[in-house]
Amino acid sequence: MLIYQLPTAVQSFRVFAFFPKAESAVKFSVSDDGQNFHDVTVQKEIYFHGAGEYGYWKPVLFHAKKIHGGNFLKLELTGEMQVGRVEISHPALSK
């Protein structure tokens, strides 16, 4: 499980992940207080073109836009995978 805390509310995110075999489920959720989370529906794009000679893992991009949530983003991983990159968009702090 990974939890990211941001200074302002999450607006969107992109998560680049890699799976060695079958793709396992990843659950995404947001929270205002870091305790009570609600699920976020994500879109998924699979970029796998075969294992090739090197046994490449399956690249998958998970993304969501226009999120109405809080300052916390949680990723719950259910199987073997690697997270390569996480990009989270949020508004700048007002001065």
PDB file of N, CA and C in Angstrom:
ATOM      1  N   MET A   1       0.845  -1.162   0.000  1.00  0.00           N
ATOM      2  CA  MET A   1       0.000   0.000   0.000  1.00  0.00           C
ATOM      3  C   MET A   1       0.903   1.242   0.000  1.00  0.00           C
ATOM      4  N   LEU A   2       0.502   2.233  -0.786  1.00  0.00           N
ATOM      5  CA  LEU A   2       1.195   3.518  -0.833  1.00  0.00           C
ATOM      6  C   LEU A   2       0.186   4.618  -0.551  1.00  0.00           C
ATOM      7  N   ILE A   3       0.549   5.567   0.301  1.00  0.00           N
ATOM      8  CA  ILE A   3      -0.321   6.715   0.569  1.00  0.00           C
ATOM      9  C   ILE A   3       0.492   7.979   0.374  1.00  0.00           C
ATOM     10  N   TYR A   4      -0.044   8.871  -0.453  1.00  0.00           N
ATOM     11  CA  TYR A   4       0.594  10.162  -0.709  1.00  0.00           C
ATOM     12  C   TYR A   4      -0.240  11.248  -0.045  1.00  0.00           C
ATOM     13  N   GLN A   5       0.422  12.157   0.682  1.00  0.00           N
ATOM     14  CA  GLN A   5      -0.252  13.305   1.281  1.00  0.00           C
ATOM     15  C   GLN A   5       0.202  14.556   0.547  1.00  0.00           C
ATOM     16  N   LEU A   6      -0.750  15.367   0.128  1.00  0.00           N
ATOM     17  CA  LEU A   6      -0.452  16.578  -0.629  1.00  0.00           C
ATOM     18  C   LEU A   6      -0.914  17.805   0.151  1.00  0.00           C
ATOM     19  N   PRO A   7      -0.364  18.980  -0.170  1.00  0.00           N
ATOM     20  CA  PRO A   7      -0.761  20.191   0.549  1.00  0.00           C
ATOM     21  C   PRO A   7      -2.156  20.685   0.174  1.00  0.00           C
ATOM     22  N   THR A   8      -2.663  20.288  -0.999  1.00  0.00           N
ATOM     23  CA  THR A   8      -4.013  20.655  -1.437  1.00  0.00           C
ATOM     24  C   THR A   8      -4.672  19.427  -2.056  1.00  0.00           C
ATOM     25  N   ALA A   9      -5.945  19.548  -2.396  1.00  0.00           N
ATOM     26  CA  ALA A   9      -6.731  18.406  -2.873  1.00  0.00           C
ATOM     27  C   ALA A   9      -6.223  17.860  -4.211  1.00  0.00           C
ATOM     28  N   VAL A  10      -6.249  16.555  -4.327  1.00  0.00           N
ATOM     29  CA  VAL A  10      -5.864  15.865  -5.556  1.00  0.00           C
ATOM     30  C   VAL A  10      -6.872  16.214  -6.650  1.00  0.00           C
ATOM     31  N   GLN A  11      -6.360  16.624  -7.825  1.00  0.00           N
ATOM     32  CA  GLN A  11      -7.235  16.903  -8.966  1.00  0.00           C
ATOM     33  C   GLN A  11      -7.187  15.771  -9.987  1.00  0.00           C
ATOM     34  N   SER A  12      -6.011  15.220 -10.207  1.00  0.00           N
ATOM     35  CA  SER A  12      -5.842  14.120 -11.155  1.00  0.00           C
ATOM     36  C   SER A  12      -4.550  13.391 -10.835  1.00  0.00           C
ATOM     37  N   PHE A  13      -4.406  12.201 -11.416  1.00  0.00           N
ATOM     38  CA  PHE A  13      -3.150  11.470 -11.242  1.00  0.00           C
ATOM     39  C   PHE A  13      -2.941  10.512 -12.395  1.00  0.00           C
ATOM     40  N   ARG A  14      -1.673  10.103 -12.551  1.00  0.00           N
ATOM     41  CA  ARG A  14      -1.267   9.066 -13.502  1.00  0.00           C
ATOM     42  C   ARG A  14      -0.285   8.163 -12.784  1.00  0.00           C
ATOM     43  N   VAL A  15      -0.482   6.866 -12.896  1.00  0.00           N
ATOM     44  CA  VAL A  15       0.402   5.884 -12.270  1.00  0.00           C
ATOM     45  C   VAL A  15       0.871   4.927 -13.362  1.00  0.00           C
ATOM     46  N   PHE A  16       2.183   4.849 -13.543  1.00  0.00           N
ATOM     47  CA  PHE A  16       2.805   3.954 -14.509  1.00  0.00           C
ATOM     48  C   PHE A  16       3.250   2.701 -13.760  1.00  0.00           C
ATOM     49  N   ALA A  17       2.690   1.551 -14.126  1.00  0.00           N
ATOM     50  CA  ALA A  17       2.977   0.304 -13.409  1.00  0.00           C
ATOM     51  C   ALA A  17       3.407  -0.776 -14.391  1.00  0.00           C
ATOM     52  N   PHE A  18       4.072  -1.806 -13.842  1.00  0.00           N
ATOM     53  CA  PHE A  18       4.563  -2.925 -14.648  1.00  0.00           C
ATOM     54  C   PHE A  18       4.223  -4.229 -13.942  1.00  0.00           C
ATOM     55  N   PHE A  19       3.691  -5.191 -14.711  1.00  0.00           N
ATOM     56  CA  PHE A  19       3.282  -6.482 -14.165  1.00  0.00           C
ATOM     57  C   PHE A  19       4.097  -7.590 -14.815  1.00  0.00           C
ATOM     58  N   PRO A  20       4.630  -8.552 -14.015  1.00  0.00           N
ATOM     59  CA  PRO A  20       5.466  -9.610 -14.576  1.00  0.00           C
ATOM     60  C   PRO A  20       4.678 -10.653 -15.366  1.00  0.00           C
ATOM     61  N   LYS A  21       3.451 -10.924 -14.962  1.00  0.00           N
ATOM     62  CA  LYS A  21       2.619 -11.935 -15.620  1.00  0.00           C
ATOM     63  C   LYS A  21       1.236 -11.336 -15.821  1.00  0.00           C
ATOM     64  N   ALA A  22       0.258 -11.902 -15.179  1.00  0.00           N
ATOM     65  CA  ALA A  22      -1.111 -11.389 -15.282  1.00  0.00           C
ATOM     66  C   ALA A  22      -1.219 -10.080 -14.502  1.00  0.00           C
ATOM     67  N   GLU A  23      -1.993  -9.200 -15.041  1.00  0.00           N
ATOM     68  CA  GLU A  23      -2.223  -7.922 -14.369  1.00  0.00           C
ATOM     69  C   GLU A  23      -3.078  -8.159 -13.131  1.00  0.00           C
ATOM     70  N   SER A  24      -2.664  -7.606 -12.011  1.00  0.00           N
ATOM     71  CA  SER A  24      -3.443  -7.726 -10.784  1.00  0.00           C
ATOM     72  C   SER A  24      -4.178  -6.415 -10.524  1.00  0.00           C
ATOM     73  N   ALA A  25      -5.194  -6.484  -9.713  1.00  0.00           N
ATOM     74  CA  ALA A  25      -6.012  -5.308  -9.423  1.00  0.00           C
ATOM     75  C   ALA A  25      -5.224  -4.271  -8.605  1.00  0.00           C
ATOM     76  N   VAL A  26      -5.496  -3.026  -8.881  1.00  0.00           N
ATOM     77  CA  VAL A  26      -4.951  -1.914  -8.104  1.00  0.00           C
ATOM     78  C   VAL A  26      -6.138  -1.055  -7.724  1.00  0.00           C
ATOM     79  N   LYS A  27      -6.266  -0.753  -6.441  1.00  0.00           N
ATOM     80  CA  LYS A  27      -7.387   0.045  -5.951  1.00  0.00           C
ATOM     81  C   LYS A  27      -6.874   1.444  -5.631  1.00  0.00           C
ATOM     82  N   PHE A  28      -7.589   2.444  -6.103  1.00  0.00           N
ATOM     83  CA  PHE A  28      -7.226   3.844  -5.871  1.00  0.00           C
ATOM     84  C   PHE A  28      -8.330   4.505  -5.059  1.00  0.00           C
ATOM     85  N   SER A  29      -7.937   5.318  -4.074  1.00  0.00           N
ATOM     86  CA  SER A  29      -8.924   6.018  -3.265  1.00  0.00           C
ATOM     87  C   SER A  29      -8.327   7.326  -2.735  1.00  0.00           C
ATOM     88  N   VAL A  30      -9.212   8.247  -2.337  1.00  0.00           N
ATOM     89  CA  VAL A  30      -8.792   9.545  -1.802  1.00  0.00           C
ATOM     90  C   VAL A  30      -9.482   9.792  -0.469  1.00  0.00           C
ATOM     91  N   SER A  31      -8.885  10.704   0.310  1.00  0.00           N
ATOM     92  CA  SER A  31      -9.405  11.000   1.639  1.00  0.00           C
ATOM     93  C   SER A  31      -9.074  12.436   2.027  1.00  0.00           C
ATOM     94  N   ASP A  32      -9.935  13.029   2.828  1.00  0.00           N
ATOM     95  CA  ASP A  32      -9.680  14.358   3.400  1.00  0.00           C
ATOM     96  C   ASP A  32      -8.821  14.266   4.662  1.00  0.00           C
ATOM     97  N   ASP A  33      -8.987  13.168   5.404  1.00  0.00           N
ATOM     98  CA  ASP A  33      -8.331  13.073   6.710  1.00  0.00           C
ATOM     99  C   ASP A  33      -7.270  11.974   6.812  1.00  0.00           C
ATOM    100  N   GLY A  34      -7.083  11.194   5.761  1.00  0.00           N
ATOM    101  CA  GLY A  34      -6.097  10.116   5.808  1.00  0.00           C
ATOM    102  C   GLY A  34      -6.599   8.862   6.491  1.00  0.00           C
ATOM    103  N   GLN A  35      -7.865   8.858   6.923  1.00  0.00           N
ATOM    104  CA  GLN A  35      -8.448   7.703   7.606  1.00  0.00           C
ATOM    105  C   GLN A  35      -9.631   7.116   6.845  1.00  0.00           C
ATOM    106  N   ASN A  36     -10.503   7.982   6.364  1.00  0.00           N
ATOM    107  CA  ASN A  36     -11.722   7.567   5.679  1.00  0.00           C
ATOM    108  C   ASN A  36     -11.563   7.823   4.184  1.00  0.00           C
ATOM    109  N   PHE A  37     -11.364   6.756   3.433  1.00  0.00           N
ATOM    110  CA  PHE A  37     -11.089   6.856   1.999  1.00  0.00           C
ATOM    111  C   PHE A  37     -12.327   6.473   1.193  1.00  0.00           C
ATOM    112  N   HIS A  38     -12.476   7.077   0.011  1.00  0.00           N
ATOM    113  CA  HIS A  38     -13.510   6.647  -0.931  1.00  0.00           C
ATOM    114  C   HIS A  38     -12.850   6.357  -2.276  1.00  0.00           C
ATOM    115  N   ASP A  39     -13.388   5.358  -2.942  1.00  0.00           N
ATOM    116  CA  ASP A  39     -12.798   4.854  -4.186  1.00  0.00           C
ATOM    117  C   ASP A  39     -12.834   5.889  -5.308  1.00  0.00           C
ATOM    118  N   VAL A  40     -11.829   5.794  -6.166  1.00  0.00           N
ATOM    119  CA  VAL A  40     -11.740   6.618  -7.356  1.00  0.00           C
ATOM    120  C   VAL A  40     -11.776   5.673  -8.560  1.00  0.00           C
ATOM    121  N   THR A  41     -12.615   5.986  -9.524  1.00  0.00           N
ATOM    122  CA  THR A  41     -12.665   5.206 -10.757  1.00  0.00           C
ATOM    123  C   THR A  41     -11.534   5.661 -11.668  1.00  0.00           C
ATOM    124  N   VAL A  42     -10.759   4.706 -12.156  1.00  0.00           N
ATOM    125  CA  VAL A  42      -9.624   5.039 -13.016  1.00  0.00           C
ATOM    126  C   VAL A  42      -9.815   4.453 -14.409  1.00  0.00           C
ATOM    127  N   GLN A  43      -9.116   5.040 -15.348  1.00  0.00           N
ATOM    128  CA  GLN A  43      -9.028   4.479 -16.684  1.00  0.00           C
ATOM    129  C   GLN A  43      -7.689   3.771 -16.781  1.00  0.00           C
ATOM    130  N   LYS A  44      -7.631   2.803 -17.675  1.00  0.00           N
ATOM    131  CA  LYS A  44      -6.430   1.980 -17.769  1.00  0.00           C
ATOM    132  C   LYS A  44      -6.052   1.841 -19.238  1.00  0.00           C
ATOM    133  N   GLU A  45      -4.761   2.008 -19.522  1.00  0.00           N
ATOM    134  CA  GLU A  45      -4.231   1.803 -20.862  1.00  0.00           C
ATOM    135  C   GLU A  45      -3.095   0.789 -20.780  1.00  0.00           C
ATOM    136  N   ILE A  46      -3.195  -0.261 -21.575  1.00  0.00           N
ATOM    137  CA  ILE A  46      -2.185  -1.316 -21.570  1.00  0.00           C
ATOM    138  C   ILE A  46      -1.304  -1.138 -22.799  1.00  0.00           C
ATOM    139  N   TYR A  47       0.008  -1.147 -22.577  1.00  0.00           N
ATOM    140  CA  TYR A  47       0.970  -0.906 -23.650  1.00  0.00           C
ATOM    141  C   TYR A  47       1.834  -2.124 -23.960  1.00  0.00           C
ATOM    142  N   PHE A  48       1.356  -3.316 -23.651  1.00  0.00           N
ATOM    143  CA  PHE A  48       2.151  -4.530 -23.817  1.00  0.00           C
ATOM    144  C   PHE A  48       2.146  -4.981 -25.272  1.00  0.00           C
ATOM    145  N   HIS A  49       3.320  -5.235 -25.808  1.00  0.00           N
ATOM    146  CA  HIS A  49       3.466  -5.698 -27.186  1.00  0.00           C
ATOM    147  C   HIS A  49       4.224  -7.023 -27.246  1.00  0.00           C
ATOM    148  N   GLY A  50       4.191  -7.770 -26.156  1.00  0.00           N
ATOM    149  CA  GLY A  50       4.870  -9.056 -26.105  1.00  0.00           C
ATOM    150  C   GLY A  50       6.117  -9.006 -25.238  1.00  0.00           C
ATOM    151  N   ALA A  51       6.475 -10.148 -24.681  1.00  0.00           N
ATOM    152  CA  ALA A  51       7.612 -10.227 -23.762  1.00  0.00           C
ATOM    153  C   ALA A  51       8.951 -10.060 -24.457  1.00  0.00           C
ATOM    154  N   GLY A  52       8.979 -10.330 -25.757  1.00  0.00           N
ATOM    155  CA  GLY A  52      10.236 -10.209 -26.485  1.00  0.00           C
ATOM    156  C   GLY A  52      11.288 -11.181 -25.978  1.00  0.00           C
ATOM    157  N   GLU A  53      12.511 -10.963 -26.363  1.00  0.00           N
ATOM    158  CA  GLU A  53      13.617 -11.837 -25.969  1.00  0.00           C
ATOM    159  C   GLU A  53      14.034 -11.642 -24.520  1.00  0.00           C
ATOM    160  N   TYR A  54      13.638 -10.528 -23.912  1.00  0.00           N
ATOM    161  CA  TYR A  54      14.098 -10.219 -22.565  1.00  0.00           C
ATOM    162  C   TYR A  54      13.049 -10.438 -21.491  1.00  0.00           C
ATOM    163  N   GLY A  55      11.861 -10.885 -21.856  1.00  0.00           N
ATOM    164  CA  GLY A  55      10.821 -11.131 -20.865  1.00  0.00           C
ATOM    165  C   GLY A  55      10.278  -9.853 -20.260  1.00  0.00           C
ATOM    166  N   TYR A  56      10.012  -8.872 -21.095  1.00  0.00           N
ATOM    167  CA  TYR A  56       9.531  -7.577 -20.606  1.00  0.00           C
ATOM    168  C   TYR A  56       8.260  -7.721 -19.783  1.00  0.00           C
ATOM    169  N   TRP A  57       8.157  -6.907 -18.738  1.00  0.00           N
ATOM    170  CA  TRP A  57       6.943  -6.855 -17.942  1.00  0.00           C
ATOM    171  C   TRP A  57       5.898  -6.054 -18.705  1.00  0.00           C
ATOM    172  N   LYS A  58       4.644  -6.228 -18.336  1.00  0.00           N
ATOM    173  CA  LYS A  58       3.530  -5.564 -19.019  1.00  0.00           C
ATOM    174  C   LYS A  58       3.324  -4.155 -18.469  1.00  0.00           C
ATOM    175  N   PRO A  59       3.548  -3.124 -19.301  1.00  0.00           N
ATOM    176  CA  PRO A  59       3.348  -1.750 -18.847  1.00  0.00           C
ATOM    177  C   PRO A  59       1.871  -1.358 -18.915  1.00  0.00           C
ATOM    178  N   VAL A  60       1.394  -0.755 -17.832  1.00  0.00           N
ATOM    179  CA  VAL A  60       0.006  -0.305 -17.748  1.00  0.00           C
ATOM    180  C   VAL A  60      -0.005   1.098 -17.147  1.00  0.00           C
ATOM    181  N   LEU A  61      -0.799   1.979 -17.757  1.00  0.00           N
ATOM    182  CA  LEU A  61      -0.976   3.335 -17.244  1.00  0.00           C
ATOM    183  C   LEU A  61      -2.369   3.433 -16.644  1.00  0.00           C
ATOM    184  N   PHE A  62      -2.440   3.795 -15.364  1.00  0.00           N
ATOM    185  CA  PHE A  62      -3.707   4.067 -14.691  1.00  0.00           C
ATOM    186  C   PHE A  62      -3.822   5.581 -14.564  1.00  0.00           C
ATOM    187  N   HIS A  63      -5.009   6.130 -14.850  1.00  0.00           N
ATOM    188  CA  HIS A  63      -5.150   7.576 -14.704  1.00  0.00           C
ATOM    189  C   HIS A  63      -6.592   7.956 -14.391  1.00  0.00           C
ATOM    190  N   ALA A  64      -6.730   9.104 -13.717  1.00  0.00           N
ATOM    191  CA  ALA A  64      -8.041   9.651 -13.366  1.00  0.00           C
ATOM    192  C   ALA A  64      -7.935  11.170 -13.391  1.00  0.00           C
ATOM    193  N   LYS A  65      -9.014  11.811 -13.829  1.00  0.00           N
ATOM    194  CA  LYS A  65      -9.082  13.273 -13.890  1.00  0.00           C
ATOM    195  C   LYS A  65     -10.323  13.744 -13.151  1.00  0.00           C
ATOM    196  N   LYS A  66     -10.332  15.025 -12.840  1.00  0.00           N
ATOM    197  CA  LYS A  66     -11.491  15.670 -12.201  1.00  0.00           C
ATOM    198  C   LYS A  66     -11.922  14.935 -10.944  1.00  0.00           C
ATOM    199  N   ILE A  67     -10.968  14.678 -10.090  1.00  0.00           N
ATOM    200  CA  ILE A  67     -11.235  13.978  -8.831  1.00  0.00           C
ATOM    201  C   ILE A  67     -11.767  14.978  -7.814  1.00  0.00           C
ATOM    202  N   HIS A  68     -12.800  14.584  -7.119  1.00  0.00           N
ATOM    203  CA  HIS A  68     -13.343  15.420  -6.040  1.00  0.00           C
ATOM    204  C   HIS A  68     -13.023  14.708  -4.732  1.00  0.00           C
ATOM    205  N   GLY A  69     -11.825  14.933  -4.260  1.00  0.00           N
ATOM    206  CA  GLY A  69     -11.391  14.221  -3.074  1.00  0.00           C
ATOM    207  C   GLY A  69     -10.558  15.106  -2.180  1.00  0.00           C
ATOM    208  N   GLY A  70      -9.779  14.488  -1.378  1.00  0.00           N
ATOM    209  CA  GLY A  70      -8.994  15.203  -0.397  1.00  0.00           C
ATOM    210  C   GLY A  70      -7.524  15.251  -0.730  1.00  0.00           C
ATOM    211  N   ASN A  71      -6.748  15.472   0.294  1.00  0.00           N
ATOM    212  CA  ASN A  71      -5.304  15.655   0.184  1.00  0.00           C
ATOM    213  C   ASN A  71      -4.525  14.342   0.216  1.00  0.00           C
ATOM    214  N   PHE A  72      -5.207  13.229   0.370  1.00  0.00           N
ATOM    215  CA  PHE A  72      -4.534  11.931   0.442  1.00  0.00           C
ATOM    216  C   PHE A  72      -4.946  11.065  -0.743  1.00  0.00           C
ATOM    217  N   LEU A  73      -3.961  10.417  -1.354  1.00  0.00           N
ATOM    218  CA  LEU A  73      -4.206   9.455  -2.435  1.00  0.00           C
ATOM    219  C   LEU A  73      -3.605   8.124  -2.002  1.00  0.00           C
ATOM    220  N   LYS A  74      -4.424   7.070  -2.039  1.00  0.00           N
ATOM    221  CA  LYS A  74      -3.957   5.742  -1.618  1.00  0.00           C
ATOM    222  C   LYS A  74      -4.006   4.781  -2.794  1.00  0.00           C
ATOM    223  N   LEU A  75      -2.926   4.005  -2.946  1.00  0.00           N
ATOM    224  CA  LEU A  75      -2.843   2.930  -3.935  1.00  0.00           C
ATOM    225  C   LEU A  75      -2.729   1.629  -3.168  1.00  0.00           C
ATOM    226  N   GLU A  76      -3.638   0.712  -3.411  1.00  0.00           N
ATOM    227  CA  GLU A  76      -3.589  -0.602  -2.781  1.00  0.00           C
ATOM    228  C   GLU A  76      -3.244  -1.630  -3.852  1.00  0.00           C
ATOM    229  N   LEU A  77      -2.098  -2.257  -3.687  1.00  0.00           N
ATOM    230  CA  LEU A  77      -1.585  -3.226  -4.650  1.00  0.00           C
ATOM    231  C   LEU A  77      -1.978  -4.625  -4.185  1.00  0.00           C
ATOM    232  N   THR A  78      -2.509  -5.448  -5.096  1.00  0.00           N
ATOM    233  CA  THR A  78      -3.001  -6.760  -4.689  1.00  0.00           C
ATOM    234  C   THR A  78      -2.137  -7.919  -5.177  1.00  0.00           C
ATOM    235  N   GLY A  79      -1.182  -7.631  -6.025  1.00  0.00           N
ATOM    236  CA  GLY A  79      -0.338  -8.700  -6.552  1.00  0.00           C
ATOM    237  C   GLY A  79       1.043  -8.173  -6.869  1.00  0.00           C
ATOM    238  N   GLU A  80       1.824  -9.008  -7.550  1.00  0.00           N
ATOM    239  CA  GLU A  80       3.189  -8.613  -7.884  1.00  0.00           C
ATOM    240  C   GLU A  80       3.169  -7.563  -8.991  1.00  0.00           C
ATOM    241  N   MET A  81       3.812  -6.452  -8.724  1.00  0.00           N
ATOM    242  CA  MET A  81       3.917  -5.366  -9.688  1.00  0.00           C
ATOM    243  C   MET A  81       4.984  -4.392  -9.233  1.00  0.00           C
ATOM    244  N   GLN A  82       5.382  -3.536 -10.133  1.00  0.00           N
ATOM    245  CA  GLN A  82       6.297  -2.446  -9.800  1.00  0.00           C
ATOM    246  C   GLN A  82       5.644  -1.147 -10.224  1.00  0.00           C
ATOM    247  N   VAL A  83       5.737  -0.160  -9.367  1.00  0.00           N
ATOM    248  CA  VAL A  83       5.269   1.176  -9.710  1.00  0.00           C
ATOM    249  C   VAL A  83       6.486   1.938 -10.214  1.00  0.00           C
ATOM    250  N   GLY A  84       6.420   2.366 -11.466  1.00  0.00           N
ATOM    251  CA  GLY A  84       7.553   3.056 -12.072  1.00  0.00           C
ATOM    252  C   GLY A  84       7.525   4.543 -11.828  1.00  0.00           C
ATOM    253  N   ARG A  85       6.318   5.134 -11.817  1.00  0.00           N
ATOM    254  CA  ARG A  85       6.213   6.584 -11.689  1.00  0.00           C
ATOM    255  C   ARG A  85       4.791   6.945 -11.263  1.00  0.00           C
ATOM    256  N   VAL A  86       4.684   7.956 -10.399  1.00  0.00           N
ATOM    257  CA  VAL A  86       3.394   8.476  -9.974  1.00  0.00           C
ATOM    258  C   VAL A  86       3.409   9.978 -10.192  1.00  0.00           C
ATOM    259  N   GLU A  87       2.420  10.489 -10.930  1.00  0.00           N
ATOM    260  CA  GLU A  87       2.273  11.923 -11.168  1.00  0.00           C
ATOM    261  C   GLU A  87       0.930  12.355 -10.591  1.00  0.00           C
ATOM    262  N   ILE A  88       0.954  13.321  -9.667  1.00  0.00           N
ATOM    263  CA  ILE A  88      -0.269  13.787  -9.023  1.00  0.00           C
ATOM    264  C   ILE A  88      -0.388  15.292  -9.256  1.00  0.00           C
ATOM    265  N   SER A  89      -1.566  15.717  -9.750  1.00  0.00           N
ATOM    266  CA  SER A  89      -1.813  17.139  -9.958  1.00  0.00           C
ATOM    267  C   SER A  89      -2.716  17.652  -8.850  1.00  0.00           C
ATOM    268  N   HIS A  90      -2.381  18.844  -8.350  1.00  0.00           N
ATOM    269  CA  HIS A  90      -3.176  19.493  -7.322  1.00  0.00           C
ATOM    270  C   HIS A  90      -2.971  21.003  -7.446  1.00  0.00           C
ATOM    271  N   PRO A  91      -3.925  21.814  -6.967  1.00  0.00           N
ATOM    272  CA  PRO A  91      -3.750  23.268  -7.076  1.00  0.00           C
ATOM    273  C   PRO A  91      -2.616  23.755  -6.179  1.00  0.00           C
ATOM    274  N   ALA A  92      -2.024  24.863  -6.597  1.00  0.00           N
ATOM    275  CA  ALA A  92      -0.946  25.466  -5.802  1.00  0.00           C
ATOM    276  C   ALA A  92      -1.532  26.056  -4.523  1.00  0.00           C
ATOM    277  N   LEU A  93      -0.706  26.141  -3.507  1.00  0.00           N
ATOM    278  CA  LEU A  93      -1.136  26.782  -2.257  1.00  0.00           C
ATOM    279  C   LEU A  93      -1.331  28.270  -2.496  1.00  0.00           C
ATOM    280  N   SER A  94      -2.415  28.839  -1.961  1.00  0.00           N
ATOM    281  CA  SER A  94      -2.606  30.279  -2.097  1.00  0.00           C
ATOM    282  C   SER A  94      -1.812  30.976  -1.005  1.00  0.00           C
ATOM    283  N   LYS A  95      -1.280  32.147  -1.365  1.00  0.00           N
ATOM    284  CA  LYS A  95      -0.421  32.872  -0.409  1.00  0.00           C
ATOM    285  C   LYS A  95      -1.189  33.904   0.358  1.00  0.00           C
TER     286      LYS A  95
END
